[in-house]
Amino acid sequence: MEQTIDLSVELRRNVRATKQELMSIDNAASCLGVSRDAILEAVERSSELALEGDVVYIPKDPVGTLVSLGVASVLFFAIVILPMFIEKM
């Protein structure tokens, strides 16, 4: 089990290092020096990796995107809109 956890961490690092944040199972197996089955098991045990067809990828986090959008909206209001209201008073 400990080896699978280490493998999933290494796999996540290697997938994240690619430009598109995806990697084929065969490419991941050869890069990490393990079998295809070990890659499949690591993906199944990891909550941060996903598998579609023959490709391992890191799914995008919609919650993080919404939080970023909310923070940007608050900053916009505080920097642009709020000073306009203060000037009119």
Protein backbone atom coordinates (compact mmCIF):
# COMPACT_ATOMS: atom_id res chain seq x y z
CA MET A 1 0.00 0.00 0.00
CA GLU A 2 2.79 2.46 0.85
CA GLN A 3 4.37 1.84 -2.55
CA THR A 4 1.02 2.61 -4.22
CA ILE A 5 0.77 5.90 -2.35
CA ASP A 6 4.30 6.86 -3.36
CA LEU A 7 3.54 5.80 -6.92
CA SER A 8 0.39 7.92 -7.07
CA VAL A 9 2.33 10.94 -5.77
CA GLU A 10 5.06 10.46 -8.38
CA LEU A 11 2.45 9.88 -11.07
CA ARG A 12 0.61 13.08 -10.12
CA ARG A 13 3.88 15.04 -10.23
CA ASN A 14 4.75 13.66 -13.66
CA VAL A 15 1.28 14.29 -15.08
CA ARG A 16 1.26 17.84 -13.69
CA ALA A 17 4.66 18.47 -15.30
CA THR A 18 3.30 17.82 -18.79
CA LYS A 19 1.98 20.74 -20.82
CA GLN A 20 -1.61 19.46 -21.10
CA GLU A 21 -1.59 17.77 -17.65
CA LEU A 22 -2.33 14.37 -19.16
CA MET A 23 -0.31 11.29 -19.96
CA SER A 24 -0.98 7.90 -21.54
CA ILE A 25 -0.85 4.85 -19.29
CA ASP A 26 2.01 3.34 -21.30
CA ASN A 27 4.01 6.58 -21.17
CA ALA A 28 3.45 6.86 -17.40
CA ALA A 29 4.46 3.24 -16.85
CA SER A 30 7.68 3.61 -18.82
CA CYS A 31 8.47 6.97 -17.19
CA LEU A 32 8.08 5.54 -13.67
CA GLY A 33 9.46 2.09 -14.48
CA VAL A 34 6.38 0.14 -13.37
CA SER A 35 3.74 -1.99 -15.06
CA ARG A 36 0.48 -0.76 -16.60
CA ASP A 37 -1.45 -2.50 -13.83
CA ALA A 38 0.48 -0.56 -11.17
CA ILE A 39 -0.48 2.70 -12.90
CA LEU A 40 -4.13 1.67 -13.08
CA GLU A 41 -4.12 0.74 -9.39
CA ALA A 42 -2.48 4.04 -8.42
CA VAL A 43 -5.09 6.00 -10.39
CA GLU A 44 -7.94 4.04 -8.79
CA ARG A 45 -6.62 4.77 -5.27
CA SER A 46 -5.92 8.45 -5.90
CA SER A 47 -8.63 11.06 -5.58
CA GLU A 48 -6.55 13.61 -7.50
CA LEU A 49 -6.09 11.57 -10.69
CA ALA A 50 -8.63 10.37 -13.21
CA LEU A 51 -8.60 7.93 -16.08
CA GLU A 52 -10.40 8.29 -19.38
CA GLY A 53 -9.73 5.62 -21.93
CA ASP A 54 -5.96 5.14 -22.00
CA VAL A 55 -5.11 8.57 -20.56
CA VAL A 56 -4.32 9.63 -17.00
CA TYR A 57 -5.16 13.26 -16.21
CA ILE A 58 -5.75 15.66 -13.35
CA PRO A 59 -9.39 16.79 -13.37
CA LYS A 60 -10.05 20.51 -13.06
CA ASP A 61 -11.50 21.74 -9.80
CA PRO A 62 -14.69 23.78 -10.41
CA VAL A 63 -14.85 24.91 -6.76
CA GLY A 64 -11.41 26.50 -6.99
CA THR A 65 -12.46 28.34 -10.12
CA LEU A 66 -15.58 29.69 -8.42
CA VAL A 67 -13.62 30.83 -5.38
CA SER A 68 -11.13 32.64 -7.62
CA LEU A 69 -13.98 34.33 -9.48
CA GLY A 70 -15.57 35.40 -6.18
CA VAL A 71 -12.33 36.88 -4.88
CA ALA A 72 -11.81 38.76 -8.16
CA SER A 73 -15.36 40.15 -7.96
CA VAL A 74 -14.88 41.40 -4.40
CA LEU A 75 -11.57 43.04 -5.32
CA PHE A 76 -13.15 44.70 -8.37
CA PHE A 77 -15.96 46.07 -6.21
CA ALA A 78 -13.56 47.32 -3.53
CA ILE A 79 -11.15 48.97 -5.98
CA VAL A 80 -13.47 50.32 -8.70
CA ILE A 81 -17.08 50.59 -7.54
CA LEU A 82 -16.72 51.51 -3.86
CA PRO A 83 -14.55 54.59 -4.48
CA MET A 84 -17.20 55.93 -6.89
CA PHE A 85 -19.83 55.72 -4.17
CA ILE A 86 -17.55 57.37 -1.63
CA GLU A 87 -16.82 60.31 -4.01
CA LYS A 88 -20.54 61.02 -4.53
CA MET A 89 -21.17 61.32 -0.78
